[in-house]
Amino acid sequence: FGAAPPLAWNATLGAAAEGHSRAMANGNFFNHLGDDGRTPGDRAELAGYEGGLIGENIAAALDTPRLVVEGWLASPGHCANLMNPQFSELGAAYAVDPQSDAGIYWTALFGAP
C-alpha cells in the first residue's frame, strides 16, 4: 500500500475505541463485534461521531504500540485501514485487565466526516 495522508486525532473516535478496548479486556473477548452485538460503526455513532466512513483495527496481547502497529502493517486487511486515503481521522486506545486471556487489548477507529 502506498503512504496515505496524516490522520487528525478525533476525541470522539478515541472514546469509542477506549470503550471497545475496555469491553474486550473486561469481557475477555477479542472481536470487532462487541459483546452487545454492536459494530465499529454502531460504537462510533453512539459516541457521537458524525462521519460516514468507519474502519477498525484491533489487537491483543502485544505490550507496546510499536508491536501493535508492526502487526497491523504486516496484515493486509489492517494495513489497508492504516493506508486508506479516504480516512482522515483517528481515535485509538488500549485497556488492560490482568485477569483476561490476552491481558491488553487495543482498538483503533478510523473515520472520515
PDB file of N, CA and C in Angstrom:
ATOM      1  N   PHE A   1       0.836  -1.182   0.000  1.00  0.00           N
ATOM      2  CA  PHE A   1       0.000   0.000   0.000  1.00  0.00           C
ATOM      3  C   PHE A   1       0.876   1.238   0.000  1.00  0.00           C
ATOM      4  N   GLY A   2       0.475   2.234  -0.735  1.00  0.00           N
ATOM      5  CA  GLY A   2       1.189   3.494  -0.725  1.00  0.00           C
ATOM      6  C   GLY A   2       0.872   4.275   0.527  1.00  0.00           C
ATOM      7  N   ALA A   3       1.734   5.227   0.823  1.00  0.00           N
ATOM      8  CA  ALA A   3       1.533   6.071   2.006  1.00  0.00           C
ATOM      9  C   ALA A   3       0.255   6.885   1.852  1.00  0.00           C
ATOM     10  N   ALA A   4      -0.412   7.123   2.949  1.00  0.00           N
ATOM     11  CA  ALA A   4      -1.630   7.924   2.977  1.00  0.00           C
ATOM     12  C   ALA A   4      -1.345   9.226   3.708  1.00  0.00           C
ATOM     13  N   PRO A   5      -2.202  10.229   3.524  1.00  0.00           N
ATOM     14  CA  PRO A   5      -2.015  11.488   4.254  1.00  0.00           C
ATOM     15  C   PRO A   5      -2.120  11.260   5.765  1.00  0.00           C
ATOM     16  N   PRO A   6      -1.539  12.164   6.550  1.00  0.00           N
ATOM     17  CA  PRO A   6      -1.634  12.041   8.013  1.00  0.00           C
ATOM     18  C   PRO A   6      -3.090  12.089   8.469  1.00  0.00           C
ATOM     19  N   LEU A   7      -3.343  11.461   9.596  1.00  0.00           N
ATOM     20  CA  LEU A   7      -4.672  11.454  10.205  1.00  0.00           C
ATOM     21  C   LEU A   7      -4.727  12.478  11.334  1.00  0.00           C
ATOM     22  N   ALA A   8      -5.884  13.079  11.508  1.00  0.00           N
ATOM     23  CA  ALA A   8      -6.095  14.002  12.630  1.00  0.00           C
ATOM     24  C   ALA A   8      -6.714  13.225  13.783  1.00  0.00           C
ATOM     25  N   TRP A   9      -6.307  13.547  15.015  1.00  0.00           N
ATOM     26  CA  TRP A   9      -6.878  12.910  16.190  1.00  0.00           C
ATOM     27  C   TRP A   9      -8.334  13.346  16.341  1.00  0.00           C
ATOM     28  N   ASN A  10      -9.199  12.394  16.661  1.00  0.00           N
ATOM     29  CA  ASN A  10     -10.593  12.693  16.921  1.00  0.00           C
ATOM     30  C   ASN A  10     -10.950  12.098  18.276  1.00  0.00           C
ATOM     31  N   ALA A  11     -11.268  12.959  19.228  1.00  0.00           N
ATOM     32  CA  ALA A  11     -11.531  12.512  20.592  1.00  0.00           C
ATOM     33  C   ALA A  11     -12.773  11.634  20.691  1.00  0.00           C
ATOM     34  N   THR A  12     -13.755  11.863  19.841  1.00  0.00           N
ATOM     35  CA  THR A  12     -14.966  11.034  19.858  1.00  0.00           C
ATOM     36  C   THR A  12     -14.631   9.612  19.442  1.00  0.00           C
ATOM     37  N   LEU A  13     -13.843   9.466  18.379  1.00  0.00           N
ATOM     38  CA  LEU A  13     -13.403   8.134  17.966  1.00  0.00           C
ATOM     39  C   LEU A  13     -12.525   7.512  19.051  1.00  0.00           C
ATOM     40  N   GLY A  14     -11.709   8.345  19.705  1.00  0.00           N
ATOM     41  CA  GLY A  14     -10.869   7.855  20.800  1.00  0.00           C
ATOM     42  C   GLY A  14     -11.702   7.297  21.944  1.00  0.00           C
ATOM     43  N   ALA A  15     -12.791   7.973  22.287  1.00  0.00           N
ATOM     44  CA  ALA A  15     -13.663   7.497  23.357  1.00  0.00           C
ATOM     45  C   ALA A  15     -14.333   6.178  22.969  1.00  0.00           C
ATOM     46  N   ALA A  16     -14.763   6.071  21.713  1.00  0.00           N
ATOM     47  CA  ALA A  16     -15.377   4.824  21.255  1.00  0.00           C
ATOM     48  C   ALA A  16     -14.356   3.696  21.255  1.00  0.00           C
ATOM     49  N   ALA A  17     -13.122   3.992  20.843  1.00  0.00           N
ATOM     50  CA  ALA A  17     -12.057   2.984  20.845  1.00  0.00           C
ATOM     51  C   ALA A  17     -11.744   2.540  22.272  1.00  0.00           C
ATOM     52  N   GLU A  18     -11.703   3.491  23.185  1.00  0.00           N
ATOM     53  CA  GLU A  18     -11.435   3.141  24.579  1.00  0.00           C
ATOM     54  C   GLU A  18     -12.535   2.252  25.147  1.00  0.00           C
ATOM     55  N   GLY A  19     -13.771   2.570  24.822  1.00  0.00           N
ATOM     56  CA  GLY A  19     -14.878   1.760  25.298  1.00  0.00           C
ATOM     57  C   GLY A  19     -14.803   0.327  24.792  1.00  0.00           C
ATOM     58  N   HIS A  20     -14.424   0.169  23.516  1.00  0.00           N
ATOM     59  CA  HIS A  20     -14.333  -1.191  22.970  1.00  0.00           C
ATOM     60  C   HIS A  20     -13.135  -1.941  23.558  1.00  0.00           C
ATOM     61  N   SER A  21     -12.011  -1.266  23.716  1.00  0.00           N
ATOM     62  CA  SER A  21     -10.847  -1.913  24.333  1.00  0.00           C
ATOM     63  C   SER A  21     -11.185  -2.371  25.751  1.00  0.00           C
ATOM     64  N   ARG A  22     -11.854  -1.509  26.503  1.00  0.00           N
ATOM     65  CA  ARG A  22     -12.236  -1.841  27.877  1.00  0.00           C
ATOM     66  C   ARG A  22     -13.222  -3.009  27.895  1.00  0.00           C
ATOM     67  N   ALA A  23     -14.191  -3.002  26.974  1.00  0.00           N
ATOM     68  CA  ALA A  23     -15.163  -4.101  26.913  1.00  0.00           C
ATOM     69  C   ALA A  23     -14.468  -5.419  26.605  1.00  0.00           C
ATOM     70  N   MET A  24     -13.516  -5.404  25.658  1.00  0.00           N
ATOM     71  CA  MET A  24     -12.800  -6.643  25.331  1.00  0.00           C
ATOM     72  C   MET A  24     -11.972  -7.121  26.515  1.00  0.00           C
ATOM     73  N   ALA A  25     -11.274  -6.196  27.171  1.00  0.00           N
ATOM     74  CA  ALA A  25     -10.429  -6.581  28.304  1.00  0.00           C
ATOM     75  C   ALA A  25     -11.261  -7.136  29.454  1.00  0.00           C
ATOM     76  N   ASN A  26     -12.289  -6.402  29.839  1.00  0.00           N
ATOM     77  CA  ASN A  26     -13.104  -6.822  30.982  1.00  0.00           C
ATOM     78  C   ASN A  26     -13.998  -8.007  30.662  1.00  0.00           C
ATOM     79  N   GLY A  27     -14.406  -8.129  29.388  1.00  0.00           N
ATOM     80  CA  GLY A  27     -15.266  -9.232  28.975  1.00  0.00           C
ATOM     81  C   GLY A  27     -14.507 -10.445  28.476  1.00  0.00           C
ATOM     82  N   ASN A  28     -13.169 -10.299  28.382  1.00  0.00           N
ATOM     83  CA  ASN A  28     -12.302 -11.394  27.947  1.00  0.00           C
ATOM     84  C   ASN A  28     -12.734 -11.968  26.593  1.00  0.00           C
ATOM     85  N   PHE A  29     -12.887 -11.046  25.604  1.00  0.00           N
ATOM     86  CA  PHE A  29     -13.167 -11.472  24.235  1.00  0.00           C
ATOM     87  C   PHE A  29     -12.339 -10.627  23.282  1.00  0.00           C
ATOM     88  N   PHE A  30     -12.216 -11.093  22.049  1.00  0.00           N
ATOM     89  CA  PHE A  30     -11.441 -10.382  21.034  1.00  0.00           C
ATOM     90  C   PHE A  30     -12.205 -10.465  19.731  1.00  0.00           C
ATOM     91  N   ASN A  31     -12.888  -9.367  19.379  1.00  0.00           N
ATOM     92  CA  ASN A  31     -13.734  -9.382  18.196  1.00  0.00           C
ATOM     93  C   ASN A  31     -14.095  -7.952  17.823  1.00  0.00           C
ATOM     94  N   HIS A  32     -14.340  -7.740  16.524  1.00  0.00           N
ATOM     95  CA  HIS A  32     -14.820  -6.432  16.085  1.00  0.00           C
ATOM     96  C   HIS A  32     -16.259  -6.192  16.532  1.00  0.00           C
ATOM     97  N   LEU A  33     -17.024  -7.245  16.686  1.00  0.00           N
ATOM     98  CA  LEU A  33     -18.368  -7.115  17.240  1.00  0.00           C
ATOM     99  C   LEU A  33     -18.266  -7.063  18.756  1.00  0.00           C
ATOM    100  N   GLY A  34     -18.958  -6.108  19.344  1.00  0.00           N
ATOM    101  CA  GLY A  34     -18.964  -6.029  20.795  1.00  0.00           C
ATOM    102  C   GLY A  34     -19.752  -7.173  21.398  1.00  0.00           C
ATOM    103  N   ASP A  35     -19.590  -7.375  22.673  1.00  0.00           N
ATOM    104  CA  ASP A  35     -20.358  -8.420  23.340  1.00  0.00           C
ATOM    105  C   ASP A  35     -21.847  -8.098  23.338  1.00  0.00           C
ATOM    106  N   ASP A  36     -22.186  -6.849  22.989  1.00  0.00           N
ATOM    107  CA  ASP A  36     -23.576  -6.425  22.843  1.00  0.00           C
ATOM    108  C   ASP A  36     -24.049  -6.510  21.397  1.00  0.00           C
ATOM    109  N   GLY A  37     -23.180  -6.998  20.500  1.00  0.00           N
ATOM    110  CA  GLY A  37     -23.529  -7.149  19.090  1.00  0.00           C
ATOM    111  C   GLY A  37     -23.308  -5.907  18.246  1.00  0.00           C
ATOM    112  N   ARG A  38     -22.791  -4.856  18.854  1.00  0.00           N
ATOM    113  CA  ARG A  38     -22.588  -3.609  18.109  1.00  0.00           C
ATOM    114  C   ARG A  38     -21.335  -3.674  17.243  1.00  0.00           C
ATOM    115  N   THR A  39     -21.413  -3.041  16.080  1.00  0.00           N
ATOM    116  CA  THR A  39     -20.304  -2.963  15.132  1.00  0.00           C
ATOM    117  C   THR A  39     -19.453  -1.728  15.427  1.00  0.00           C
ATOM    118  N   PRO A  40     -18.282  -1.620  14.792  1.00  0.00           N
ATOM    119  CA  PRO A  40     -17.489  -0.391  14.950  1.00  0.00           C
ATOM    120  C   PRO A  40     -18.283   0.865  14.580  1.00  0.00           C
ATOM    121  N   GLY A  41     -19.049   0.799  13.500  1.00  0.00           N
ATOM    122  CA  GLY A  41     -19.866   1.945  13.100  1.00  0.00           C
ATOM    123  C   GLY A  41     -20.920   2.290  14.142  1.00  0.00           C
ATOM    124  N   ASP A  42     -21.527   1.263  14.730  1.00  0.00           N
ATOM    125  CA  ASP A  42     -22.506   1.490  15.802  1.00  0.00           C
ATOM    126  C   ASP A  42     -21.854   2.220  16.971  1.00  0.00           C
ATOM    127  N   ARG A  43     -20.676   1.747  17.380  1.00  0.00           N
ATOM    128  CA  ARG A  43     -19.998   2.352  18.535  1.00  0.00           C
ATOM    129  C   ARG A  43     -19.613   3.795  18.253  1.00  0.00           C
ATOM    130  N   ALA A  44     -19.130   4.067  17.051  1.00  0.00           N
ATOM    131  CA  ALA A  44     -18.755   5.444  16.698  1.00  0.00           C
ATOM    132  C   ALA A  44     -19.989   6.346  16.713  1.00  0.00           C
ATOM    133  N   GLU A  45     -21.070   5.870  16.140  1.00  0.00           N
ATOM    134  CA  GLU A  45     -22.300   6.669  16.104  1.00  0.00           C
ATOM    135  C   GLU A  45     -22.837   6.916  17.513  1.00  0.00           C
ATOM    136  N   LEU A  46     -22.844   5.886  18.348  1.00  0.00           N
ATOM    137  CA  LEU A  46     -23.331   6.047  19.720  1.00  0.00           C
ATOM    138  C   LEU A  46     -22.468   7.015  20.523  1.00  0.00           C
ATOM    139  N   ALA A  47     -21.176   7.092  20.182  1.00  0.00           N
ATOM    140  CA  ALA A  47     -20.276   8.032  20.864  1.00  0.00           C
ATOM    141  C   ALA A  47     -20.491   9.464  20.384  1.00  0.00           C
ATOM    142  N   GLY A  48     -21.229   9.628  19.260  1.00  0.00           N
ATOM    143  CA  GLY A  48     -21.496  10.959  18.736  1.00  0.00           C
ATOM    144  C   GLY A  48     -20.724  11.319  17.490  1.00  0.00           C
ATOM    145  N   TYR A  49     -20.013  10.344  16.906  1.00  0.00           N
ATOM    146  CA  TYR A  49     -19.257  10.626  15.683  1.00  0.00           C
ATOM    147  C   TYR A  49     -20.215  10.753  14.512  1.00  0.00           C
ATOM    148  N   GLU A  50     -20.057  11.796  13.726  1.00  0.00           N
ATOM    149  CA  GLU A  50     -20.976  12.067  12.633  1.00  0.00           C
ATOM    150  C   GLU A  50     -20.424  11.684  11.270  1.00  0.00           C
ATOM    151  N   GLY A  51     -19.236  11.104  11.227  1.00  0.00           N
ATOM    152  CA  GLY A  51     -18.653  10.698   9.961  1.00  0.00           C
ATOM    153  C   GLY A  51     -19.382   9.507   9.358  1.00  0.00           C
ATOM    154  N   GLY A  52     -19.231   9.346   8.059  1.00  0.00           N
ATOM    155  CA  GLY A  52     -19.940   8.277   7.370  1.00  0.00           C
ATOM    156  C   GLY A  52     -19.114   7.034   7.121  1.00  0.00           C
ATOM    157  N   LEU A  53     -17.814   7.153   7.127  1.00  0.00           N
ATOM    158  CA  LEU A  53     -16.935   6.022   6.825  1.00  0.00           C
ATOM    159  C   LEU A  53     -16.166   5.649   8.084  1.00  0.00           C
ATOM    160  N   ILE A  54     -16.234   4.369   8.478  1.00  0.00           N
ATOM    161  CA  ILE A  54     -15.568   3.896   9.693  1.00  0.00           C
ATOM    162  C   ILE A  54     -14.777   2.633   9.377  1.00  0.00           C
ATOM    163  N   GLY A  55     -13.583   2.538   9.925  1.00  0.00           N
ATOM    164  CA  GLY A  55     -12.780   1.319   9.881  1.00  0.00           C
ATOM    165  C   GLY A  55     -12.223   1.066  11.265  1.00  0.00           C
ATOM    166  N   GLU A  56     -11.885  -0.191  11.538  1.00  0.00           N
ATOM    167  CA  GLU A  56     -11.385  -0.515  12.868  1.00  0.00           C
ATOM    168  C   GLU A  56     -10.276  -1.550  12.777  1.00  0.00           C
ATOM    169  N   ASN A  57      -9.241  -1.330  13.547  1.00  0.00           N
ATOM    170  CA  ASN A  57      -8.200  -2.331  13.781  1.00  0.00           C
ATOM    171  C   ASN A  57      -8.203  -2.669  15.262  1.00  0.00           C
ATOM    172  N   ILE A  58      -8.043  -3.944  15.569  1.00  0.00           N
ATOM    173  CA  ILE A  58      -7.902  -4.355  16.958  1.00  0.00           C
ATOM    174  C   ILE A  58      -6.671  -5.249  17.086  1.00  0.00           C
ATOM    175  N   ALA A  59      -6.148  -5.317  18.279  1.00  0.00           N
ATOM    176  CA  ALA A  59      -5.004  -6.182  18.573  1.00  0.00           C
ATOM    177  C   ALA A  59      -5.104  -6.578  20.044  1.00  0.00           C
ATOM    178  N   ALA A  60      -4.400  -7.645  20.387  1.00  0.00           N
ATOM    179  CA  ALA A  60      -4.397  -8.099  21.776  1.00  0.00           C
ATOM    180  C   ALA A  60      -3.073  -8.773  22.084  1.00  0.00           C
ATOM    181  N   ALA A  61      -2.720  -8.747  23.353  1.00  0.00           N
ATOM    182  CA  ALA A  61      -1.552  -9.456  23.892  1.00  0.00           C
ATOM    183  C   ALA A  61      -0.217  -8.888  23.416  1.00  0.00           C
ATOM    184  N   LEU A  62      -0.215  -7.705  22.837  1.00  0.00           N
ATOM    185  CA  LEU A  62       1.027  -7.056  22.414  1.00  0.00           C
ATOM    186  C   LEU A  62       1.317  -5.917  23.383  1.00  0.00           C
ATOM    187  N   ASP A  63       2.541  -5.882  23.906  1.00  0.00           N
ATOM    188  CA  ASP A  63       2.856  -4.985  25.023  1.00  0.00           C
ATOM    189  C   ASP A  63       3.117  -3.530  24.672  1.00  0.00           C
ATOM    190  N   THR A  64       3.438  -3.228  23.401  1.00  0.00           N
ATOM    191  CA  THR A  64       3.797  -1.852  23.058  1.00  0.00           C
ATOM    192  C   THR A  64       3.072  -1.396  21.795  1.00  0.00           C
ATOM    193  N   PRO A  65       2.852  -0.086  21.670  1.00  0.00           N
ATOM    194  CA  PRO A  65       2.245   0.430  20.439  1.00  0.00           C
ATOM    195  C   PRO A  65       3.047   0.047  19.200  1.00  0.00           C
ATOM    196  N   ARG A  66       4.356   0.023  19.319  1.00  0.00           N
ATOM    197  CA  ARG A  66       5.194  -0.329  18.172  1.00  0.00           C
ATOM    198  C   ARG A  66       4.869  -1.737  17.664  1.00  0.00           C
ATOM    199  N   LEU A  67       4.754  -2.702  18.587  1.00  0.00           N
ATOM    200  CA  LEU A  67       4.416  -4.071  18.184  1.00  0.00           C
ATOM    201  C   LEU A  67       3.031  -4.140  17.556  1.00  0.00           C
ATOM    202  N   VAL A  68       2.094  -3.368  18.090  1.00  0.00           N
ATOM    203  CA  VAL A  68       0.748  -3.344  17.536  1.00  0.00           C
ATOM    204  C   VAL A  68       0.780  -2.836  16.092  1.00  0.00           C
ATOM    205  N   VAL A  69       1.418  -1.700  15.875  1.00  0.00           N
ATOM    206  CA  VAL A  69       1.458  -1.111  14.532  1.00  0.00           C
ATOM    207  C   VAL A  69       2.236  -2.014  13.576  1.00  0.00           C
ATOM    208  N   GLU A  70       3.328  -2.599  14.021  1.00  0.00           N
ATOM    209  CA  GLU A  70       4.071  -3.537  13.162  1.00  0.00           C
ATOM    210  C   GLU A  70       3.182  -4.713  12.757  1.00  0.00           C
ATOM    211  N   GLY A  71       2.395  -5.224  13.686  1.00  0.00           N
ATOM    212  CA  GLY A  71       1.472  -6.313  13.366  1.00  0.00           C
ATOM    213  C   GLY A  71       0.421  -5.883  12.362  1.00  0.00           C
ATOM    214  N   TRP A  72      -0.121  -4.687  12.545  1.00  0.00           N
ATOM    215  CA  TRP A  72      -1.118  -4.192  11.602  1.00  0.00           C
ATOM    216  C   TRP A  72      -0.519  -3.967  10.222  1.00  0.00           C
ATOM    217  N   LEU A  73       0.695  -3.463  10.155  1.00  0.00           N
ATOM    218  CA  LEU A  73       1.335  -3.249   8.853  1.00  0.00           C
ATOM    219  C   LEU A  73       1.617  -4.564   8.133  1.00  0.00           C
ATOM    220  N   ALA A  74       1.834  -5.631   8.885  1.00  0.00           N
ATOM    221  CA  ALA A  74       2.117  -6.939   8.287  1.00  0.00           C
ATOM    222  C   ALA A  74       0.847  -7.684   7.865  1.00  0.00           C
ATOM    223  N   SER A  75      -0.306  -7.176   8.236  1.00  0.00           N
ATOM    224  CA  SER A  75      -1.586  -7.811   7.913  1.00  0.00           C
ATOM    225  C   SER A  75      -2.274  -7.016   6.805  1.00  0.00           C
ATOM    226  N   PRO A  76      -2.542  -7.629   5.656  1.00  0.00           N
ATOM    227  CA  PRO A  76      -3.132  -6.866   4.545  1.00  0.00           C
ATOM    228  C   PRO A  76      -4.413  -6.107   4.907  1.00  0.00           C
ATOM    229  N   GLY A  77      -5.324  -6.731   5.624  1.00  0.00           N
ATOM    230  CA  GLY A  77      -6.566  -6.048   5.970  1.00  0.00           C
ATOM    231  C   GLY A  77      -6.363  -4.873   6.900  1.00  0.00           C
ATOM    232  N   HIS A  78      -5.504  -5.050   7.901  1.00  0.00           N
ATOM    233  CA  HIS A  78      -5.227  -3.967   8.840  1.00  0.00           C
ATOM    234  C   HIS A  78      -4.428  -2.850   8.166  1.00  0.00           C
ATOM    235  N   CYS A  79      -3.474  -3.239   7.328  1.00  0.00           N
ATOM    236  CA  CYS A  79      -2.677  -2.243   6.613  1.00  0.00           C
ATOM    237  C   CYS A  79      -3.566  -1.422   5.674  1.00  0.00           C
ATOM    238  N   ALA A  80      -4.565  -2.075   5.081  1.00  0.00           N
ATOM    239  CA  ALA A  80      -5.490  -1.353   4.198  1.00  0.00           C
ATOM    240  C   ALA A  80      -6.197  -0.231   4.957  1.00  0.00           C
ATOM    241  N   ASN A  81      -6.576  -0.471   6.213  1.00  0.00           N
ATOM    242  CA  ASN A  81      -7.180   0.595   7.013  1.00  0.00           C
ATOM    243  C   ASN A  81      -6.176   1.700   7.301  1.00  0.00           C
ATOM    244  N   LEU A  82      -4.969   1.310   7.706  1.00  0.00           N
ATOM    245  CA  LEU A  82      -3.944   2.311   8.030  1.00  0.00           C
ATOM    246  C   LEU A  82      -3.614   3.210   6.841  1.00  0.00           C
ATOM    247  N   MET A  83      -3.601   2.647   5.656  1.00  0.00           N
ATOM    248  CA  MET A  83      -3.161   3.379   4.465  1.00  0.00           C
ATOM    249  C   MET A  83      -4.311   3.835   3.569  1.00  0.00           C
ATOM    250  N   ASN A  84      -5.536   3.709   4.043  1.00  0.00           N
ATOM    251  CA  ASN A  84      -6.692   4.110   3.244  1.00  0.00           C
ATOM    252  C   ASN A  84      -6.742   5.640   3.166  1.00  0.00           C
ATOM    253  N   PRO A  85      -6.550   6.212   1.968  1.00  0.00           N
ATOM    254  CA  PRO A  85      -6.535   7.673   1.860  1.00  0.00           C
ATOM    255  C   PRO A  85      -7.904   8.311   2.104  1.00  0.00           C
ATOM    256  N   GLN A  86      -8.967   7.510   2.171  1.00  0.00           N
ATOM    257  CA  GLN A  86     -10.290   8.066   2.460  1.00  0.00           C
ATOM    258  C   GLN A  86     -10.445   8.414   3.939  1.00  0.00           C
ATOM    259  N   PHE A  87      -9.685   7.752   4.806  1.00  0.00           N
ATOM    260  CA  PHE A  87      -9.760   8.073   6.227  1.00  0.00           C
ATOM    261  C   PHE A  87      -8.955   9.333   6.509  1.00  0.00           C
ATOM    262  N   SER A  88      -9.523  10.216   7.318  1.00  0.00           N
ATOM    263  CA  SER A  88      -8.823  11.452   7.676  1.00  0.00           C
ATOM    264  C   SER A  88      -8.702  11.632   9.187  1.00  0.00           C
ATOM    265  N   GLU A  89      -9.403  10.796   9.965  1.00  0.00           N
ATOM    266  CA  GLU A  89      -9.400  10.954  11.419  1.00  0.00           C
ATOM    267  C   GLU A  89      -9.140   9.613  12.101  1.00  0.00           C
ATOM    268  N   LEU A  90      -8.619   9.691  13.322  1.00  0.00           N
ATOM    269  CA  LEU A  90      -8.253   8.504  14.085  1.00  0.00           C
ATOM    270  C   LEU A  90      -8.535   8.722  15.561  1.00  0.00           C
ATOM    271  N   GLY A  91      -9.001   7.677  16.203  1.00  0.00           N
ATOM    272  CA  GLY A  91      -9.078   7.611  17.655  1.00  0.00           C
ATOM    273  C   GLY A  91      -8.589   6.236  18.062  1.00  0.00           C
ATOM    274  N   ALA A  92      -7.786   6.144  19.089  1.00  0.00           N
ATOM    275  CA  ALA A  92      -7.219   4.850  19.480  1.00  0.00           C
ATOM    276  C   ALA A  92      -7.059   4.789  20.992  1.00  0.00           C
ATOM    277  N   ALA A  93      -7.090   3.571  21.506  1.00  0.00           N
ATOM    278  CA  ALA A  93      -6.934   3.380  22.946  1.00  0.00           C
ATOM    279  C   ALA A  93      -6.611   1.926  23.234  1.00  0.00           C
ATOM    280  N   TYR A  94      -6.155   1.688  24.459  1.00  0.00           N
ATOM    281  CA  TYR A  94      -5.948   0.317  24.916  1.00  0.00           C
ATOM    282  C   TYR A  94      -6.519   0.187  26.320  1.00  0.00           C
ATOM    283  N   ALA A  95      -6.734  -1.062  26.719  1.00  0.00           N
ATOM    284  CA  ALA A  95      -7.199  -1.334  28.076  1.00  0.00           C
ATOM    285  C   ALA A  95      -6.519  -2.602  28.562  1.00  0.00           C
ATOM    286  N   VAL A  96      -6.268  -2.642  29.862  1.00  0.00           N
ATOM    287  CA  VAL A  96      -5.575  -3.764  30.486  1.00  0.00           C
ATOM    288  C   VAL A  96      -6.489  -4.411  31.521  1.00  0.00           C
ATOM    289  N   ASP A  97      -6.518  -5.726  31.490  1.00  0.00           N
ATOM    290  CA  ASP A  97      -7.168  -6.500  32.548  1.00  0.00           C
ATOM    291  C   ASP A  97      -6.326  -7.745  32.765  1.00  0.00           C
ATOM    292  N   PRO A  98      -5.546  -7.783  33.838  1.00  0.00           N
ATOM    293  CA  PRO A  98      -4.651  -8.920  34.072  1.00  0.00           C
ATOM    294  C   PRO A  98      -5.378 -10.253  34.187  1.00  0.00           C
ATOM    295  N   GLN A  99      -6.672 -10.225  34.452  1.00  0.00           N
ATOM    296  CA  GLN A  99      -7.423 -11.472  34.574  1.00  0.00           C
ATOM    297  C   GLN A  99      -7.927 -11.990  33.230  1.00  0.00           C
ATOM    298  N   SER A 100      -7.757 -11.199  32.168  1.00  0.00           N
ATOM    299  CA  SER A 100      -8.195 -11.633  30.837  1.00  0.00           C
ATOM    300  C   SER A 100      -7.119 -12.506  30.195  1.00  0.00           C
ATOM    301  N   ASP A 101      -7.492 -13.222  29.158  1.00  0.00           N
ATOM    302  CA  ASP A 101      -6.547 -14.123  28.494  1.00  0.00           C
ATOM    303  C   ASP A 101      -5.376 -13.377  27.866  1.00  0.00           C
ATOM    304  N   ALA A 102      -5.647 -12.249  27.202  1.00  0.00           N
ATOM    305  CA  ALA A 102      -4.590 -11.520  26.499  1.00  0.00           C
ATOM    306  C   ALA A 102      -3.920 -10.460  27.365  1.00  0.00           C
ATOM    307  N   GLY A 103      -4.600 -10.002  28.403  1.00  0.00           N
ATOM    308  CA  GLY A 103      -4.013  -9.004  29.285  1.00  0.00           C
ATOM    309  C   GLY A 103      -4.198  -7.580  28.816  1.00  0.00           C
ATOM    310  N   ILE A 104      -3.958  -7.315  27.526  1.00  0.00           N
ATOM    311  CA  ILE A 104      -4.061  -5.960  26.972  1.00  0.00           C
ATOM    312  C   ILE A 104      -4.753  -6.036  25.608  1.00  0.00           C
ATOM    313  N   TYR A 105      -5.628  -5.075  25.378  1.00  0.00           N
ATOM    314  CA  TYR A 105      -6.442  -5.045  24.154  1.00  0.00           C
ATOM    315  C   TYR A 105      -6.375  -3.641  23.556  1.00  0.00           C
ATOM    316  N   TRP A 106      -6.200  -3.566  22.252  1.00  0.00           N
ATOM    317  CA  TRP A 106      -6.017  -2.312  21.535  1.00  0.00           C
ATOM    318  C   TRP A 106      -7.114  -2.128  20.496  1.00  0.00           C
ATOM    319  N   THR A 107      -7.567  -0.894  20.323  1.00  0.00           N
ATOM    320  CA  THR A 107      -8.537  -0.561  19.286  1.00  0.00           C
ATOM    321  C   THR A 107      -8.123   0.751  18.629  1.00  0.00           C
ATOM    322  N   ALA A 108      -8.166   0.760  17.304  1.00  0.00           N
ATOM    323  CA  ALA A 108      -8.007   1.997  16.531  1.00  0.00           C
ATOM    324  C   ALA A 108      -9.245   2.144  15.644  1.00  0.00           C
ATOM    325  N   LEU A 109      -9.895   3.287  15.720  1.00  0.00           N
ATOM    326  CA  LEU A 109     -11.040   3.586  14.872  1.00  0.00           C
ATOM    327  C   LEU A 109     -10.644   4.671  13.888  1.00  0.00           C
ATOM    328  N   PHE A 110     -10.870   4.421  12.637  1.00  0.00           N
ATOM    329  CA  PHE A 110     -10.568   5.360  11.550  1.00  0.00           C
ATOM    330  C   PHE A 110     -11.876   5.903  11.034  1.00  0.00           C
ATOM    331  N   GLY A 111     -11.903   7.185  10.700  1.00  0.00           N
ATOM    332  CA  GLY A 111     -13.138   7.772  10.212  1.00  0.00           C
ATOM    333  C   GLY A 111     -12.897   8.840   9.170  1.00  0.00           C
ATOM    334  N   ALA A 112     -14.001   9.204   8.520  1.00  0.00           N
ATOM    335  CA  ALA A 112     -13.999  10.302   7.559  1.00  0.00           C
ATOM    336  C   ALA A 112     -15.328  11.022   7.693  1.00  0.00           C
ATOM    337  N   PRO A 113     -15.279  12.331   7.892  1.00  0.00           N
ATOM    338  CA  PRO A 113     -16.525  13.091   8.043  1.00  0.00           C
ATOM    339  C   PRO A 113     -17.325  13.130   6.737  1.00  0.00           C
TER     340      PRO A 113
END
